[in-house]
């Protein structure tokens, strides 16, 4: 009886692992499409992008406080020595109405 119970529990465990590997982890692994925000990789890229935009916004605000009334662009920030981070998904940052916008992730 003990041997049969052990065998059945092993079979159930293997079945659960197989089901998870085939169906349960699809949302975690992602589709590979950088435009979609499903999957761990694309979610982490979106998080890094959001953090990069916050860093750039801080640089924009600092530039504006030191140069009131002057226009500010990403190129101007780079000319003043600010290292502009890059979007991990390959998007480009621009300044639109005082906000940092990514060409892939938006605001």
N, C-alpha and C. Protein backbone atom coordinates (compact mmCIF):
# COMPACT_ATOMS: atom_id res chain seq x y z
N UNK A 1 0.81 -1.19 0.00
CA UNK A 1 0.00 0.00 0.00
C UNK A 1 0.86 1.26 0.00
N UNK A 2 1.97 1.27 0.80
CA UNK A 2 2.85 2.44 0.85
C UNK A 2 3.49 2.70 -0.52
N UNK A 3 3.90 1.66 -1.19
CA UNK A 3 4.53 1.81 -2.50
C UNK A 3 3.57 2.39 -3.52
N UNK A 4 2.32 1.98 -3.48
CA UNK A 4 1.32 2.48 -4.42
C UNK A 4 1.03 3.96 -4.15
N UNK A 5 0.94 4.36 -2.89
CA UNK A 5 0.69 5.76 -2.53
C UNK A 5 1.86 6.64 -2.98
N UNK A 6 3.07 6.19 -2.78
CA UNK A 6 4.26 6.94 -3.20
C UNK A 6 4.31 7.11 -4.71
N UNK A 7 3.96 6.04 -5.42
CA UNK A 7 3.95 6.09 -6.88
C UNK A 7 2.88 7.06 -7.38
N UNK A 8 1.69 7.03 -6.76
CA UNK A 8 0.62 7.92 -7.18
C UNK A 8 0.97 9.39 -6.89
N UNK A 9 1.58 9.65 -5.76
CA UNK A 9 1.96 11.03 -5.44
C UNK A 9 3.05 11.53 -6.40
N UNK A 10 3.95 10.66 -6.79
CA UNK A 10 4.98 11.01 -7.76
C UNK A 10 4.35 11.31 -9.12
N UNK A 11 3.38 10.50 -9.51
CA UNK A 11 2.69 10.70 -10.78
C UNK A 11 1.93 12.03 -10.78
N UNK A 12 1.27 12.35 -9.68
CA UNK A 12 0.53 13.61 -9.58
C UNK A 12 1.50 14.79 -9.64
N UNK A 13 2.62 14.70 -8.96
CA UNK A 13 3.62 15.76 -8.97
C UNK A 13 4.16 16.01 -10.37
N UNK A 14 4.49 14.95 -11.06
CA UNK A 14 4.99 15.07 -12.44
C UNK A 14 3.91 15.67 -13.34
N UNK A 15 2.67 15.27 -13.14
CA UNK A 15 1.57 15.81 -13.93
C UNK A 15 1.39 17.30 -13.72
N UNK A 16 1.48 17.74 -12.47
CA UNK A 16 1.34 19.17 -12.16
C UNK A 16 2.49 19.95 -12.79
N UNK A 17 3.69 19.44 -12.70
CA UNK A 17 4.85 20.10 -13.29
C UNK A 17 4.69 20.19 -14.81
N UNK A 18 4.23 19.13 -15.43
CA UNK A 18 4.02 19.15 -16.88
C UNK A 18 2.95 20.17 -17.26
N UNK A 19 1.85 20.22 -16.49
CA UNK A 19 0.78 21.16 -16.80
C UNK A 19 1.28 22.59 -16.68
N UNK A 20 2.05 22.88 -15.60
CA UNK A 20 2.59 24.22 -15.42
C UNK A 20 3.54 24.61 -16.55
N UNK A 21 4.36 23.66 -16.98
CA UNK A 21 5.31 23.99 -18.04
C UNK A 21 4.61 24.20 -19.37
N UNK A 22 3.47 23.59 -19.58
CA UNK A 22 2.77 23.73 -20.86
C UNK A 22 1.76 24.88 -20.86
N UNK A 23 1.11 25.13 -19.74
CA UNK A 23 0.02 26.10 -19.72
C UNK A 23 0.19 27.21 -18.69
N UNK A 24 0.65 26.87 -17.53
CA UNK A 24 0.62 27.80 -16.40
C UNK A 24 1.61 28.94 -16.48
N UNK A 25 2.69 28.81 -17.24
CA UNK A 25 3.72 29.83 -17.26
C UNK A 25 3.69 30.70 -18.50
N UNK A 26 2.65 30.61 -19.32
CA UNK A 26 2.60 31.39 -20.56
C UNK A 26 2.66 32.88 -20.28
N UNK A 27 1.91 33.37 -19.33
CA UNK A 27 1.91 34.79 -19.01
C UNK A 27 3.22 35.25 -18.43
N UNK A 28 3.92 34.37 -17.74
CA UNK A 28 5.19 34.73 -17.14
C UNK A 28 6.29 34.83 -18.19
N UNK A 29 6.28 33.95 -19.16
CA UNK A 29 7.34 33.91 -20.16
C UNK A 29 7.19 35.00 -21.21
N UNK A 30 6.00 35.44 -21.50
CA UNK A 30 5.78 36.51 -22.45
C UNK A 30 5.72 36.00 -23.87
N UNK A 31 5.31 36.88 -24.76
CA UNK A 31 5.14 36.51 -26.16
C UNK A 31 6.38 36.84 -26.97
N UNK A 32 7.32 37.60 -26.41
CA UNK A 32 8.51 37.99 -27.15
C UNK A 32 8.32 39.27 -27.95
N UNK A 33 7.10 39.77 -28.05
CA UNK A 33 6.82 41.00 -28.77
C UNK A 33 7.05 42.18 -27.84
N UNK A 34 8.03 43.08 -28.14
CA UNK A 34 8.32 44.18 -27.22
C UNK A 34 7.20 45.20 -27.12
N UNK A 35 6.23 45.18 -28.01
CA UNK A 35 5.12 46.13 -27.95
C UNK A 35 4.10 45.73 -26.88
N UNK A 36 4.03 44.47 -26.55
CA UNK A 36 3.06 44.03 -25.55
C UNK A 36 3.70 44.03 -24.18
N UNK A 37 2.87 44.18 -23.17
CA UNK A 37 3.40 44.24 -21.81
C UNK A 37 3.07 42.98 -21.03
N UNK A 38 3.00 41.84 -21.70
CA UNK A 38 2.83 40.60 -20.97
C UNK A 38 4.19 39.93 -20.86
N UNK A 39 4.36 39.17 -19.85
CA UNK A 39 5.63 38.48 -19.65
C UNK A 39 6.56 39.27 -18.74
N UNK A 40 7.42 38.56 -18.07
CA UNK A 40 8.32 39.18 -17.09
C UNK A 40 9.31 40.12 -17.75
N UNK A 41 9.82 39.76 -18.89
CA UNK A 41 10.84 40.58 -19.54
C UNK A 41 10.26 41.93 -19.96
N UNK A 42 9.13 41.93 -20.62
CA UNK A 42 8.57 43.19 -21.09
C UNK A 42 8.07 44.05 -19.93
N UNK A 43 7.57 43.40 -18.85
CA UNK A 43 7.16 44.18 -17.67
C UNK A 43 8.36 44.84 -17.02
N UNK A 44 9.48 44.14 -16.95
CA UNK A 44 10.66 44.74 -16.33
C UNK A 44 11.22 45.85 -17.22
N UNK A 45 11.14 45.69 -18.54
CA UNK A 45 11.58 46.76 -19.43
C UNK A 45 10.72 48.00 -19.25
N UNK A 46 9.42 47.81 -19.09
CA UNK A 46 8.53 48.95 -18.87
C UNK A 46 8.84 49.65 -17.54
N UNK A 47 9.18 48.87 -16.52
CA UNK A 47 9.52 49.45 -15.22
C UNK A 47 10.81 50.25 -15.31
N UNK A 48 11.82 49.71 -15.99
CA UNK A 48 13.09 50.42 -16.16
C UNK A 48 12.86 51.69 -16.97
N UNK A 49 12.03 51.60 -18.00
CA UNK A 49 11.73 52.77 -18.83
C UNK A 49 11.06 53.86 -18.00
N UNK A 50 10.11 53.48 -17.16
CA UNK A 50 9.43 54.46 -16.30
C UNK A 50 10.43 55.13 -15.35
N UNK A 51 11.34 54.36 -14.80
CA UNK A 51 12.36 54.91 -13.91
C UNK A 51 13.28 55.86 -14.67
N UNK A 52 13.66 55.48 -15.89
CA UNK A 52 14.50 56.34 -16.72
C UNK A 52 13.81 57.67 -17.03
N UNK A 53 12.51 57.61 -17.29
CA UNK A 53 11.76 58.84 -17.57
C UNK A 53 11.71 59.74 -16.34
N UNK A 54 11.62 59.14 -15.16
CA UNK A 54 11.62 59.93 -13.92
C UNK A 54 12.99 60.60 -13.71
N UNK A 55 14.06 59.89 -14.03
CA UNK A 55 15.40 60.46 -13.92
C UNK A 55 15.56 61.62 -14.89
N UNK A 56 15.08 61.43 -16.12
CA UNK A 56 15.16 62.50 -17.11
C UNK A 56 14.31 63.71 -16.69
N UNK A 57 13.16 63.47 -16.12
CA UNK A 57 12.31 64.57 -15.67
C UNK A 57 13.00 65.38 -14.58
N UNK A 58 13.72 64.70 -13.70
CA UNK A 58 14.49 65.39 -12.67
C UNK A 58 15.57 66.26 -13.32
N UNK A 59 16.23 65.73 -14.35
CA UNK A 59 17.27 66.51 -15.06
C UNK A 59 16.64 67.71 -15.77
N UNK A 60 15.46 67.53 -16.35
CA UNK A 60 14.76 68.63 -17.02
C UNK A 60 14.40 69.72 -16.00
N UNK A 61 13.87 69.32 -14.87
CA UNK A 61 13.50 70.30 -13.84
C UNK A 61 14.72 71.04 -13.31
N UNK A 62 15.82 70.32 -13.16
CA UNK A 62 17.05 70.96 -12.69
C UNK A 62 17.56 71.95 -13.74
N UNK A 63 17.51 71.56 -15.01
CA UNK A 63 17.95 72.46 -16.08
C UNK A 63 17.08 73.72 -16.11
N UNK A 64 15.77 73.53 -15.98
CA UNK A 64 14.86 74.67 -16.01
C UNK A 64 15.09 75.62 -14.83
N UNK A 65 15.43 75.06 -13.68
CA UNK A 65 15.67 75.93 -12.52
C UNK A 65 16.96 76.72 -12.68
N UNK A 66 17.91 76.16 -13.40
CA UNK A 66 19.19 76.85 -13.61
C UNK A 66 19.17 77.74 -14.85
N UNK A 67 18.25 77.48 -15.78
CA UNK A 67 18.15 78.24 -17.03
C UNK A 67 16.69 78.61 -17.28
N UNK A 68 16.13 79.49 -16.47
CA UNK A 68 14.71 79.82 -16.62
C UNK A 68 14.41 80.46 -17.97
N UNK A 69 13.31 80.02 -18.58
CA UNK A 69 12.86 80.58 -19.84
C UNK A 69 13.50 79.98 -21.08
N UNK A 70 14.56 79.20 -20.92
CA UNK A 70 15.20 78.58 -22.08
C UNK A 70 14.50 77.26 -22.42
N UNK A 71 14.43 76.95 -23.72
CA UNK A 71 13.82 75.67 -24.10
C UNK A 71 14.73 74.52 -23.70
N UNK A 72 14.13 73.38 -23.47
CA UNK A 72 14.91 72.21 -23.08
C UNK A 72 14.50 71.03 -23.96
N UNK A 73 15.50 70.35 -24.47
CA UNK A 73 15.31 69.13 -25.25
C UNK A 73 16.30 68.09 -24.75
N UNK A 74 16.13 66.88 -25.23
CA UNK A 74 17.08 65.81 -24.85
C UNK A 74 18.48 66.17 -25.35
N UNK A 75 18.56 66.72 -26.55
CA UNK A 75 19.87 67.10 -27.11
C UNK A 75 20.54 68.18 -26.26
N UNK A 76 19.78 69.15 -25.79
CA UNK A 76 20.33 70.21 -24.93
C UNK A 76 20.83 69.61 -23.63
N UNK A 77 20.07 68.68 -23.06
CA UNK A 77 20.52 68.03 -21.83
C UNK A 77 21.84 67.30 -22.05
N UNK A 78 21.95 66.61 -23.18
CA UNK A 78 23.20 65.89 -23.48
C UNK A 78 24.36 66.85 -23.66
N UNK A 79 24.10 68.02 -24.26
CA UNK A 79 25.16 69.03 -24.44
C UNK A 79 25.64 69.59 -23.12
N UNK A 80 24.77 69.62 -22.12
CA UNK A 80 25.16 70.15 -20.81
C UNK A 80 25.83 69.08 -19.94
N UNK A 81 25.98 67.88 -20.47
CA UNK A 81 26.69 66.83 -19.75
C UNK A 81 25.81 65.81 -19.07
N UNK A 82 24.50 65.88 -19.25
CA UNK A 82 23.59 64.91 -18.65
C UNK A 82 23.65 63.62 -19.46
N UNK A 83 23.92 62.53 -18.79
CA UNK A 83 23.89 61.23 -19.47
C UNK A 83 22.45 60.77 -19.54
N UNK A 84 21.92 60.70 -20.73
CA UNK A 84 20.52 60.30 -20.89
C UNK A 84 20.45 58.78 -20.98
N UNK A 85 19.63 58.18 -20.14
CA UNK A 85 19.49 56.72 -20.19
C UNK A 85 18.74 56.30 -21.44
N UNK A 86 18.87 55.03 -21.78
CA UNK A 86 18.19 54.49 -22.96
C UNK A 86 17.08 53.56 -22.52
N UNK A 87 16.01 53.56 -23.28
CA UNK A 87 14.91 52.62 -23.02
C UNK A 87 15.41 51.21 -23.32
N UNK A 88 15.21 50.26 -22.40
CA UNK A 88 15.70 48.90 -22.64
C UNK A 88 14.99 48.19 -23.79
N UNK A 89 13.82 48.68 -24.19
CA UNK A 89 13.10 48.07 -25.30
C UNK A 89 13.44 48.74 -26.63
N UNK A 90 14.31 49.75 -26.61
CA UNK A 90 14.73 50.41 -27.84
C UNK A 90 13.95 51.66 -28.19
N UNK A 91 13.10 52.13 -27.28
CA UNK A 91 12.34 53.34 -27.54
C UNK A 91 13.20 54.59 -27.43
N UNK A 92 12.68 55.69 -27.94
CA UNK A 92 13.39 56.96 -27.87
C UNK A 92 12.61 57.92 -26.98
N UNK A 93 13.33 58.67 -26.16
CA UNK A 93 12.71 59.62 -25.26
C UNK A 93 12.62 60.99 -25.91
N UNK A 94 11.50 61.66 -25.72
CA UNK A 94 11.32 63.03 -26.15
C UNK A 94 10.62 63.80 -25.03
N UNK A 95 10.70 65.12 -25.10
CA UNK A 95 10.03 65.96 -24.12
C UNK A 95 8.83 66.59 -24.81
N UNK A 96 7.65 66.29 -24.30
CA UNK A 96 6.40 66.81 -24.86
C UNK A 96 5.61 67.48 -23.74
N UNK A 97 5.41 68.79 -23.86
CA UNK A 97 4.65 69.56 -22.86
C UNK A 97 5.15 69.33 -21.44
N UNK A 98 6.46 69.30 -21.27
CA UNK A 98 7.04 69.15 -19.95
C UNK A 98 7.06 67.72 -19.43
N UNK A 99 6.68 66.77 -20.24
CA UNK A 99 6.69 65.36 -19.83
C UNK A 99 7.67 64.59 -20.70
N UNK A 100 8.26 63.57 -20.10
CA UNK A 100 9.16 62.70 -20.84
C UNK A 100 8.31 61.56 -21.41
N UNK A 101 8.40 61.37 -22.73
CA UNK A 101 7.58 60.37 -23.41
C UNK A 101 8.51 59.39 -24.12
N UNK A 102 8.20 58.11 -23.98
CA UNK A 102 8.93 57.05 -24.68
C UNK A 102 8.14 56.67 -25.93
N UNK A 103 8.83 56.43 -27.01
CA UNK A 103 8.14 56.06 -28.26
C UNK A 103 7.48 54.70 -28.18
N UNK A 104 7.86 53.87 -27.22
CA UNK A 104 7.25 52.54 -27.05
C UNK A 104 6.29 52.50 -25.88
N UNK A 105 6.72 53.00 -24.72
CA UNK A 105 5.93 52.86 -23.50
C UNK A 105 5.05 54.07 -23.19
N UNK A 106 5.17 55.13 -23.93
CA UNK A 106 4.33 56.31 -23.68
C UNK A 106 4.84 57.11 -22.51
N UNK A 107 3.89 57.60 -21.69
CA UNK A 107 4.27 58.46 -20.57
C UNK A 107 4.52 57.65 -19.34
